[in-house]
Amino acid sequence: MSASSEIDRMHALVGPIASDLDLDVYDIERRGATMRITLDTRPGSEGGITLDSLSLATRLISRELDHEDPIAGQYTLEVTSPGLERQLRTPAHFQREVGKVISARLRDPLAEPRRLQGTLLAADDHRATLVLDDGTERSIELSDIDKARTVVEWGPKPKPGKPASKNKKKTSTTAGNGATATEKTTTKETQPS
């Protein structure tokens, strides 16, 4: 059985389970002896996927795979969420992330620039259009992209015209459920007497 037919078979088995749990199959890929199934909430959903949802999905998928046995030989099943900074590999991935900041590296090592970052303005089955950080618009063939991912901007941006403060440090940590904890530390500079 070819890798693409294994993936197609996995989509056919996993899709209904994900749908019953009100989830989407974000991606299915085979990496060596690991079959990775990435599940996510449906586009436009409030919040992200929960650990309880992933645990239930893992049990149901594992049971279905034991029953159907769609893959010859031994493999490891991995059921996961795409995370905050998610890889964009398919046209559907790009289409789902329109309006978000992404980073892309082009296949051509001589491309100038080779790395691009900006807001994903539009995407279809063949092209993605970005508004780059400098305000210019760039359209790219998806087949020309080597790697792409969403970019999460941590913490507030400095206000226009105001330099970043030197005496305050903010760090943010985001838990898997979307909750954010912020720590604020202030340092005091002393003047010589």
Protein backbone atom coordinates (compact mmCIF):
# COMPACT_ATOMS: atom_id res chain seq x y z
CA MET A 1 0.00 0.00 0.00
CA SER A 2 1.46 3.40 -0.95
CA ALA A 3 1.91 6.18 1.60
CA SER A 4 -0.75 8.34 -0.09
CA SER A 5 -3.31 5.51 -0.06
CA GLU A 6 -2.51 4.92 3.65
CA ILE A 7 -3.15 8.61 4.32
CA ASP A 8 -6.39 8.50 2.30
CA ARG A 9 -7.53 5.43 4.25
CA MET A 10 -6.66 7.13 7.55
CA HIS A 11 -8.69 10.22 6.53
CA ALA A 12 -11.66 7.96 5.78
CA LEU A 13 -11.42 6.31 9.21
CA VAL A 14 -10.53 9.36 11.32
CA GLY A 15 -12.78 11.95 9.64
CA PRO A 16 -16.09 10.65 11.03
CA ILE A 17 -14.63 10.29 14.54
CA ALA A 18 -13.34 13.86 14.49
CA SER A 19 -16.65 15.12 13.11
CA ASP A 20 -18.59 13.35 15.89
CA LEU A 21 -16.36 15.14 18.43
CA ASP A 22 -16.91 18.50 16.65
CA LEU A 23 -13.25 18.57 15.58
CA ASP A 24 -11.43 18.89 12.25
CA VAL A 25 -8.68 16.66 10.90
CA TYR A 26 -5.98 19.30 10.46
CA ASP A 27 -3.35 16.92 9.08
CA ILE A 28 -2.35 13.27 8.77
CA GLU A 29 1.22 12.38 7.97
CA ARG A 30 3.44 9.33 8.09
CA ARG A 31 6.95 9.87 9.40
CA GLY A 32 8.87 6.61 9.39
CA ALA A 33 7.10 4.28 11.82
CA THR A 34 4.91 7.07 13.25
CA MET A 35 1.42 7.88 11.99
CA ARG A 36 0.69 11.43 13.20
CA ILE A 37 -2.92 12.62 13.27
CA THR A 38 -3.36 16.31 14.02
CA LEU A 39 -6.79 17.42 15.20
CA ASP A 40 -8.06 20.93 15.78
CA THR A 41 -11.24 22.78 16.62
CA ARG A 42 -13.33 23.89 13.66
CA PRO A 43 -12.45 27.24 12.07
CA GLY A 44 -14.05 30.10 13.97
CA SER A 45 -14.42 28.10 17.20
CA GLU A 46 -13.92 29.83 20.52
CA GLY A 47 -10.76 28.55 22.20
CA GLY A 48 -8.56 25.66 21.23
CA ILE A 49 -8.67 21.92 21.48
CA THR A 50 -8.60 20.52 25.02
CA LEU A 51 -6.53 17.69 26.45
CA ASP A 52 -9.77 15.85 27.26
CA SER A 53 -10.89 16.08 23.61
CA LEU A 54 -7.51 14.78 22.42
CA SER A 55 -7.57 11.91 24.94
CA LEU A 56 -11.06 10.85 23.88
CA ALA A 57 -10.16 11.13 20.19
CA THR A 58 -7.02 9.05 20.75
CA ARG A 59 -9.00 6.24 22.39
CA LEU A 60 -11.66 6.23 19.67
CA ILE A 61 -9.15 6.39 16.81
CA SER A 62 -6.97 3.68 18.35
CA ARG A 63 -9.98 1.39 18.74
CA GLU A 64 -11.04 2.01 15.12
CA LEU A 65 -7.52 1.33 13.82
CA ASP A 66 -7.32 -1.91 15.85
CA HIS A 67 -10.63 -2.99 14.31
CA GLU A 68 -9.90 -1.96 10.68
CA ASP A 69 -6.10 -2.56 10.66
CA PRO A 70 -5.50 -0.16 7.71
CA ILE A 71 -1.69 -0.11 7.91
CA ALA A 72 0.58 -3.11 7.37
CA GLY A 73 3.32 -3.66 9.92
CA GLN A 74 4.05 -1.91 13.18
CA TYR A 75 3.60 1.81 13.67
CA THR A 76 3.18 4.31 16.48
CA LEU A 77 -0.03 6.32 16.58
CA GLU A 78 0.37 9.95 17.61
CA VAL A 79 -2.72 12.12 18.04
CA THR A 80 -1.90 15.77 18.62
CA SER A 81 -3.05 19.35 18.19
CA PRO A 82 -1.34 21.72 15.75
CA GLY A 83 -0.23 24.07 18.53
CA LEU A 84 -0.13 27.84 18.46
CA GLU A 85 2.61 28.17 15.86
CA ARG A 86 1.40 25.60 13.38
CA GLN A 87 3.03 24.25 10.25
CA LEU A 88 1.31 25.15 6.98
CA ARG A 89 1.74 22.33 4.47
CA THR A 90 -1.45 22.14 2.43
CA PRO A 91 -3.63 24.70 0.62
CA ALA A 92 -6.32 24.07 3.26
CA HIS A 93 -3.83 25.02 6.00
CA PHE A 94 -3.10 28.35 4.30
CA GLN A 95 -6.80 29.03 3.63
CA ARG A 96 -7.64 28.37 7.28
CA GLU A 97 -5.06 30.89 8.53
CA VAL A 98 -6.03 33.90 6.36
CA GLY A 99 -5.76 37.05 8.47
CA LYS A 100 -2.94 35.69 10.65
CA VAL A 101 0.76 36.46 10.63
CA ILE A 102 2.83 33.76 8.95
CA SER A 103 6.49 33.13 8.22
CA ALA A 104 7.57 31.36 5.01
CA ARG A 105 10.88 30.13 3.63
CA LEU A 106 11.11 29.75 -0.13
CA ARG A 107 12.58 26.63 -1.77
CA ASP A 108 14.99 28.58 -3.97
CA PRO A 109 18.12 29.31 -1.88
CA LEU A 110 18.92 32.24 -4.19
CA ALA A 111 15.51 33.93 -3.78
CA GLU A 112 15.79 37.45 -2.44
CA PRO A 113 14.44 37.58 0.16
CA ARG A 114 14.23 33.88 0.90
CA ARG A 115 12.39 34.33 4.20
CA LEU A 116 9.15 36.28 4.30
CA GLN A 117 6.92 37.30 7.17
CA GLY A 118 3.60 39.09 7.05
CA THR A 119 -0.15 38.86 7.33
CA LEU A 120 -1.75 36.22 5.10
CA LEU A 121 -4.18 38.25 3.01
CA ALA A 122 -5.57 35.48 0.77
CA ALA A 123 -4.92 31.86 -0.19
CA ASP A 124 -6.33 29.44 -2.74
CA ASP A 125 -5.26 26.02 -3.99
CA HIS A 126 -2.14 27.40 -5.70
CA ARG A 127 -1.12 30.80 -4.28
CA ALA A 128 -0.82 32.73 -1.03
CA THR A 129 -0.79 36.52 -0.82
CA LEU A 130 0.93 38.23 2.08
CA VAL A 131 1.15 41.81 3.25
CA LEU A 132 4.77 41.92 4.38
CA ASP A 133 5.92 43.72 7.50
CA ASP A 134 7.11 46.65 5.33
CA GLY A 135 3.56 47.07 3.92
CA THR A 136 4.20 45.61 0.46
CA GLU A 137 2.01 42.87 -0.95
CA ARG A 138 3.61 39.64 -2.23
CA SER A 139 1.93 36.72 -3.99
CA ILE A 140 3.71 33.35 -3.82
CA GLU A 141 3.07 30.00 -5.48
CA LEU A 142 2.49 27.42 -2.73
CA SER A 143 4.78 25.02 -4.62
CA ASP A 144 7.62 27.58 -4.17
CA ILE A 145 7.33 27.45 -0.37
CA ASP A 146 9.72 25.12 1.45
CA LYS A 147 8.37 25.71 4.97
CA ALA A 148 5.69 27.94 6.43
CA ARG A 149 4.12 28.40 9.84
CA THR A 150 1.89 30.77 11.74
CA VAL A 151 3.65 33.26 14.02
CA VAL A 152 2.33 34.12 17.46
CA GLU A 153 3.26 37.61 18.55
CA TRP A 154 3.92 37.48 22.28
CA GLY A 155 3.10 40.47 24.42
CA PRO A 156 1.85 43.90 23.43
CA LYS A 157 3.50 45.87 20.65
CA PRO A 158 5.10 49.16 21.69
CA LYS A 159 2.91 52.19 21.08
CA PRO A 160 3.87 54.22 18.01
CA GLY A 161 6.38 56.96 18.85
CA LYS A 162 7.22 55.48 22.25
CA PRO A 163 10.49 53.59 22.81
CA ALA A 164 10.34 50.29 24.64
CA SER A 165 10.86 50.73 28.38
CA LYS A 166 14.29 49.72 29.68
CA ASN A 167 13.27 49.00 33.24
CA LYS A 168 10.43 46.55 32.76
CA LYS A 169 10.40 43.01 31.52
CA LYS A 170 7.25 41.15 30.57
CA THR A 171 7.04 37.50 29.74
CA SER A 172 3.94 35.67 28.67
CA THR A 173 3.28 31.99 28.76
CA THR A 174 0.30 30.50 27.00
CA ALA A 175 -1.13 27.22 28.17
CA GLY A 176 -2.63 24.73 25.73
CA ASN A 177 -6.14 25.94 26.57
CA GLY A 178 -5.43 29.50 25.49
CA ALA A 179 -5.08 30.90 29.02
CA THR A 180 -2.27 33.41 29.39
CA ALA A 181 -0.22 34.12 32.48
CA THR A 182 1.85 37.29 32.58
CA GLU A 183 4.76 38.01 34.88
CA LYS A 184 5.92 41.58 35.38
CA THR A 185 9.29 42.38 36.89
CA THR A 186 10.59 45.86 37.56
CA THR A 187 14.27 46.61 38.06
CA LYS A 188 15.49 49.76 39.71
CA GLU A 189 18.53 51.63 38.48
CA THR A 190 20.53 53.42 41.17
CA GLN A 191 22.36 56.70 40.66
CA PRO A 192 25.89 57.09 42.03
CA SER A 193 26.05 59.40 45.07
